[in-house]
PDB file of all heavy atoms in Angstrom:
ATOM      1  N   LEU A   1       0.812  -1.220   0.000  1.00  0.00           N
ATOM      2  CA  LEU A   1       0.000   0.000   0.000  1.00  0.00           C
ATOM      3  C   LEU A   1       0.841   1.265   0.000  1.00  0.00           C
ATOM      4  O   LEU A   1       0.365   2.334  -0.401  1.00  0.00           O
ATOM      5  CB  LEU A   1      -0.950  -0.004   1.195  1.00  0.00           C
ATOM      6  CG  LEU A   1      -2.033  -1.092   1.166  1.00  0.00           C
ATOM      7  CD1 LEU A   1      -2.877  -1.039   2.432  1.00  0.00           C
ATOM      8  CD2 LEU A   1      -2.902  -0.948  -0.071  1.00  0.00           C
ATOM      9  N   ALA A   2       2.090   1.177   0.412  1.00  0.00           N
ATOM     10  CA  ALA A   2       2.964   2.357   0.389  1.00  0.00           C
ATOM     11  C   ALA A   2       3.264   2.801  -1.038  1.00  0.00           C
ATOM     12  O   ALA A   2       3.622   3.964  -1.259  1.00  0.00           O
ATOM     13  CB  ALA A   2       4.270   2.061   1.128  1.00  0.00           C
ATOM     14  N   TYR A   3       3.121   1.905  -2.006  1.00  0.00           N
ATOM     15  CA  TYR A   3       3.335   2.300  -3.400  1.00  0.00           C
ATOM     16  C   TYR A   3       2.403   3.430  -3.809  1.00  0.00           C
ATOM     17  O   TYR A   3       2.748   4.243  -4.675  1.00  0.00           O
ATOM     18  CB  TYR A   3       3.076   1.112  -4.328  1.00  0.00           C
ATOM     19  CG  TYR A   3       4.183   0.097  -4.450  1.00  0.00           C
ATOM     20  CD1 TYR A   3       5.371   0.213  -3.738  1.00  0.00           C
ATOM     21  CD2 TYR A   3       4.043  -0.992  -5.309  1.00  0.00           C
ATOM     22  CE1 TYR A   3       6.379  -0.725  -3.863  1.00  0.00           C
ATOM     23  CE2 TYR A   3       5.044  -1.940  -5.449  1.00  0.00           C
ATOM     24  CZ  TYR A   3       6.214  -1.811  -4.725  1.00  0.00           C
ATOM     25  OH  TYR A   3       7.211  -2.748  -4.868  1.00  0.00           O
ATOM     26  N   ARG A   4       1.212   3.470  -3.217  1.00  0.00           N
ATOM     27  CA  ARG A   4       0.224   4.465  -3.665  1.00  0.00           C
ATOM     28  C   ARG A   4       0.680   5.894  -3.354  1.00  0.00           C
ATOM     29  O   ARG A   4       0.823   6.695  -4.284  1.00  0.00           O
ATOM     30  CB  ARG A   4      -1.148   4.145  -3.071  1.00  0.00           C
ATOM     31  CG  ARG A   4      -1.648   2.753  -3.488  1.00  0.00           C
ATOM     32  CD  ARG A   4      -3.090   2.486  -3.101  1.00  0.00           C
ATOM     33  NE  ARG A   4      -3.355   2.682  -1.690  1.00  0.00           N
ATOM     34  CZ  ARG A   4      -4.538   2.495  -1.117  1.00  0.00           C
ATOM     35  NH1 ARG A   4      -5.582   2.111  -1.857  1.00  0.00           N
ATOM     36  NH2 ARG A   4      -4.705   2.680   0.172  1.00  0.00           N
ATOM     37  N   PRO A   5       0.934   6.262  -2.089  1.00  0.00           N
ATOM     38  CA  PRO A   5       1.384   7.644  -1.850  1.00  0.00           C
ATOM     39  C   PRO A   5       2.780   7.912  -2.392  1.00  0.00           C
ATOM     40  O   PRO A   5       3.050   9.017  -2.894  1.00  0.00           O
ATOM     41  CB  PRO A   5       1.348   7.762  -0.321  1.00  0.00           C
ATOM     42  CG  PRO A   5       1.443   6.363   0.193  1.00  0.00           C
ATOM     43  CD  PRO A   5       0.715   5.530  -0.824  1.00  0.00           C
ATOM     44  N   GLN A   6       3.666   6.926  -2.318  1.00  0.00           N
ATOM     45  CA  GLN A   6       5.025   7.139  -2.817  1.00  0.00           C
ATOM     46  C   GLN A   6       5.018   7.341  -4.328  1.00  0.00           C
ATOM     47  O   GLN A   6       5.705   8.230  -4.856  1.00  0.00           O
ATOM     48  CB  GLN A   6       5.904   5.952  -2.442  1.00  0.00           C
ATOM     49  CG  GLN A   6       6.199   5.832  -0.957  1.00  0.00           C
ATOM     50  CD  GLN A   6       6.868   4.527  -0.590  1.00  0.00           C
ATOM     51  OE1 GLN A   6       7.094   3.663  -1.436  1.00  0.00           O
ATOM     52  NE2 GLN A   6       7.190   4.364   0.688  1.00  0.00           N
ATOM     53  N   GLY A   7       4.236   6.520  -5.024  1.00  0.00           N
ATOM     54  CA  GLY A   7       4.168   6.642  -6.473  1.00  0.00           C
ATOM     55  C   GLY A   7       3.562   7.949  -6.927  1.00  0.00           C
ATOM     56  O   GLY A   7       4.060   8.596  -7.859  1.00  0.00           O
ATOM     57  N   LEU A   8       2.487   8.373  -6.257  1.00  0.00           N
ATOM     58  CA  LEU A   8       1.857   9.640  -6.630  1.00  0.00           C
ATOM     59  C   LEU A   8       2.791  10.819  -6.348  1.00  0.00           C
ATOM     60  O   LEU A   8       2.800  11.800  -7.109  1.00  0.00           O
ATOM     61  CB  LEU A   8       0.530   9.811  -5.886  1.00  0.00           C
ATOM     62  CG  LEU A   8      -0.605   8.890  -6.339  1.00  0.00           C
ATOM     63  CD1 LEU A   8      -1.827   9.064  -5.438  1.00  0.00           C
ATOM     64  CD2 LEU A   8      -0.982   9.138  -7.794  1.00  0.00           C
ATOM     65  N   THR A   9       3.578  10.737  -5.292  1.00  0.00           N
ATOM     66  CA  THR A   9       4.546  11.792  -5.005  1.00  0.00           C
ATOM     67  C   THR A   9       5.563  11.909  -6.132  1.00  0.00           C
ATOM     68  O   THR A   9       5.898  13.015  -6.583  1.00  0.00           O
ATOM     69  CB  THR A   9       5.255  11.516  -3.678  1.00  0.00           C
ATOM     70  OG1 THR A   9       4.302  11.545  -2.617  1.00  0.00           O
ATOM     71  CG2 THR A   9       6.331  12.560  -3.399  1.00  0.00           C
ATOM     72  N   LEU A  10       6.061  10.775  -6.593  1.00  0.00           N
ATOM     73  CA  LEU A  10       7.006  10.789  -7.712  1.00  0.00           C
ATOM     74  C   LEU A  10       6.356  11.329  -8.984  1.00  0.00           C
ATOM     75  O   LEU A  10       6.948  12.156  -9.700  1.00  0.00           O
ATOM     76  CB  LEU A  10       7.535   9.377  -7.954  1.00  0.00           C
ATOM     77  CG  LEU A  10       8.456   8.809  -6.874  1.00  0.00           C
ATOM     78  CD1 LEU A  10       8.696   7.317  -7.097  1.00  0.00           C
ATOM     79  CD2 LEU A  10       9.782   9.567  -6.848  1.00  0.00           C
ATOM     80  N   LEU A  11       5.146  10.893  -9.267  1.00  0.00           N
ATOM     81  CA  LEU A  11       4.449  11.381 -10.457  1.00  0.00           C
ATOM     82  C   LEU A  11       4.207  12.878 -10.389  1.00  0.00           C
ATOM     83  O   LEU A  11       4.288  13.581 -11.405  1.00  0.00           O
ATOM     84  CB  LEU A  11       3.117  10.638 -10.619  1.00  0.00           C
ATOM     85  CG  LEU A  11       3.204   9.169 -11.035  1.00  0.00           C
ATOM     86  CD1 LEU A  11       1.843   8.488 -10.879  1.00  0.00           C
ATOM     87  CD2 LEU A  11       3.698   9.039 -12.473  1.00  0.00           C
ATOM     88  N   ARG A  12       3.931  13.364  -9.202  1.00  0.00           N
ATOM     89  CA  ARG A  12       3.659  14.793  -9.017  1.00  0.00           C
ATOM     90  C   ARG A  12       4.867  15.649  -9.385  1.00  0.00           C
ATOM     91  O   ARG A  12       4.723  16.820  -9.771  1.00  0.00           O
ATOM     92  CB  ARG A  12       3.261  15.043  -7.561  1.00  0.00           C
ATOM     93  CG  ARG A  12       2.304  16.194  -7.339  1.00  0.00           C
ATOM     94  CD  ARG A  12       1.880  16.254  -5.882  1.00  0.00           C
ATOM     95  NE  ARG A  12       1.026  15.142  -5.523  1.00  0.00           N
ATOM     96  CZ  ARG A  12       1.261  14.305  -4.506  1.00  0.00           C
ATOM     97  NH1 ARG A  12       2.328  14.454  -3.744  1.00  0.00           N
ATOM     98  NH2 ARG A  12       0.421  13.325  -4.260  1.00  0.00           N
ATOM     99  N   THR A  13       6.052  15.091  -9.258  1.00  0.00           N
ATOM    100  CA  THR A  13       7.268  15.834  -9.583  1.00  0.00           C
ATOM    101  C   THR A  13       7.683  15.652 -11.041  1.00  0.00           C
ATOM    102  O   THR A  13       8.739  16.146 -11.453  1.00  0.00           O
ATOM    103  CB  THR A  13       8.430  15.384  -8.681  1.00  0.00           C
ATOM    104  OG1 THR A  13       8.724  13.999  -8.925  1.00  0.00           O
ATOM    105  CG2 THR A  13       8.094  15.567  -7.214  1.00  0.00           C
ATOM    106  N   GLY A  14       6.875  14.929 -11.818  1.00  0.00           N
ATOM    107  CA  GLY A  14       7.140  14.786 -13.240  1.00  0.00           C
ATOM    108  C   GLY A  14       7.938  13.566 -13.626  1.00  0.00           C
ATOM    109  O   GLY A  14       8.375  13.445 -14.783  1.00  0.00           O
ATOM    110  N   VAL A  15       8.123  12.625 -12.703  1.00  0.00           N
ATOM    111  CA  VAL A  15       8.855  11.397 -13.022  1.00  0.00           C
ATOM    112  C   VAL A  15       8.006  10.544 -13.972  1.00  0.00           C
ATOM    113  O   VAL A  15       6.803  10.391 -13.785  1.00  0.00           O
ATOM    114  CB  VAL A  15       9.175  10.610 -11.729  1.00  0.00           C
ATOM    115  CG1 VAL A  15       9.865   9.289 -12.058  1.00  0.00           C
ATOM    116  CG2 VAL A  15      10.044  11.460 -10.806  1.00  0.00           C
ATOM    117  N   ALA A  16       8.640   9.979 -14.989  1.00  0.00           N
ATOM    118  CA  ALA A  16       7.934   9.149 -15.968  1.00  0.00           C
ATOM    119  C   ALA A  16       7.464   7.855 -15.326  1.00  0.00           C
ATOM    120  O   ALA A  16       8.029   7.376 -14.337  1.00  0.00           O
ATOM    121  CB  ALA A  16       8.850   8.845 -17.141  1.00  0.00           C
ATOM    122  N   ALA A  17       6.432   7.248 -15.918  1.00  0.00           N
ATOM    123  CA  ALA A  17       5.840   6.045 -15.344  1.00  0.00           C
ATOM    124  C   ALA A  17       6.866   4.929 -15.168  1.00  0.00           C
ATOM    125  O   ALA A  17       6.914   4.265 -14.123  1.00  0.00           O
ATOM    126  CB  ALA A  17       4.681   5.569 -16.226  1.00  0.00           C
ATOM    127  N   ALA A  18       7.703   4.690 -16.176  1.00  0.00           N
ATOM    128  CA  ALA A  18       8.694   3.617 -16.084  1.00  0.00           C
ATOM    129  C   ALA A  18       9.678   3.872 -14.951  1.00  0.00           C
ATOM    130  O   ALA A  18      10.100   2.932 -14.254  1.00  0.00           O
ATOM    131  CB  ALA A  18       9.431   3.470 -17.409  1.00  0.00           C
ATOM    132  N   ASP A  19      10.025   5.120 -14.738  1.00  0.00           N
ATOM    133  CA  ASP A  19      10.966   5.447 -13.665  1.00  0.00           C
ATOM    134  C   ASP A  19      10.306   5.347 -12.296  1.00  0.00           C
ATOM    135  O   ASP A  19      10.964   5.006 -11.306  1.00  0.00           O
ATOM    136  CB  ASP A  19      11.545   6.839 -13.884  1.00  0.00           C
ATOM    137  CG  ASP A  19      12.417   6.908 -15.135  1.00  0.00           C
ATOM    138  OD1 ASP A  19      13.028   5.874 -15.484  1.00  0.00           O
ATOM    139  OD2 ASP A  19      12.474   7.981 -15.761  1.00  0.00           O
ATOM    140  N   VAL A  20       9.008   5.629 -12.225  1.00  0.00           N
ATOM    141  CA  VAL A  20       8.278   5.439 -10.974  1.00  0.00           C
ATOM    142  C   VAL A  20       8.274   3.958 -10.605  1.00  0.00           C
ATOM    143  O   VAL A  20       8.562   3.583  -9.457  1.00  0.00           O
ATOM    144  CB  VAL A  20       6.834   5.969 -11.089  1.00  0.00           C
ATOM    145  CG1 VAL A  20       6.004   5.554  -9.872  1.00  0.00           C
ATOM    146  CG2 VAL A  20       6.832   7.481 -11.228  1.00  0.00           C
ATOM    147  N   VAL A  21       7.960   3.115 -11.579  1.00  0.00           N
ATOM    148  CA  VAL A  21       7.969   1.669 -11.328  1.00  0.00           C
ATOM    149  C   VAL A  21       9.353   1.220 -10.876  1.00  0.00           C
ATOM    150  O   VAL A  21       9.505   0.498  -9.876  1.00  0.00           O
ATOM    151  CB  VAL A  21       7.536   0.902 -12.591  1.00  0.00           C
ATOM    152  CG1 VAL A  21       7.819  -0.592 -12.440  1.00  0.00           C
ATOM    153  CG2 VAL A  21       6.057   1.133 -12.867  1.00  0.00           C
ATOM    154  N   ALA A  22      10.383   1.652 -11.592  1.00  0.00           N
ATOM    155  CA  ALA A  22      11.747   1.243 -11.257  1.00  0.00           C
ATOM    156  C   ALA A  22      12.130   1.693  -9.846  1.00  0.00           C
ATOM    157  O   ALA A  22      12.733   0.923  -9.082  1.00  0.00           O
ATOM    158  CB  ALA A  22      12.727   1.811 -12.283  1.00  0.00           C
ATOM    159  N   GLY A  23      11.771   2.922  -9.489  1.00  0.00           N
ATOM    160  CA  GLY A  23      12.125   3.429  -8.175  1.00  0.00           C
ATOM    161  C   GLY A  23      11.404   2.712  -7.046  1.00  0.00           C
ATOM    162  O   GLY A  23      11.999   2.392  -6.010  1.00  0.00           O
ATOM    163  N   LEU A  24      10.111   2.431  -7.247  1.00  0.00           N
ATOM    164  CA  LEU A  24       9.338   1.769  -6.199  1.00  0.00           C
ATOM    165  C   LEU A  24       9.835   0.349  -5.943  1.00  0.00           C
ATOM    166  O   LEU A  24      10.025  -0.061  -4.802  1.00  0.00           O
ATOM    167  CB  LEU A  24       7.855   1.757  -6.570  1.00  0.00           C
ATOM    168  CG  LEU A  24       7.134   3.106  -6.547  1.00  0.00           C
ATOM    169  CD1 LEU A  24       5.704   2.951  -7.056  1.00  0.00           C
ATOM    170  CD2 LEU A  24       7.132   3.721  -5.154  1.00  0.00           C
ATOM    171  N   VAL A  25      10.040  -0.405  -7.011  1.00  0.00           N
ATOM    172  CA  VAL A  25      10.431  -1.802  -6.805  1.00  0.00           C
ATOM    173  C   VAL A  25      11.883  -1.928  -6.355  1.00  0.00           C
ATOM    174  O   VAL A  25      12.237  -2.860  -5.621  1.00  0.00           O
ATOM    175  CB  VAL A  25      10.155  -2.663  -8.055  1.00  0.00           C
ATOM    176  CG1 VAL A  25       8.672  -2.607  -8.413  1.00  0.00           C
ATOM    177  CG2 VAL A  25      11.005  -2.239  -9.243  1.00  0.00           C
TER     178      VAL A  25
END
């Protein structure tokens, strides 16, 4: 469940989807 707020935070700063996935995992 931490992926949800962490991922949205990254997306909010303009990180691309592939990089969000890479960073979370």
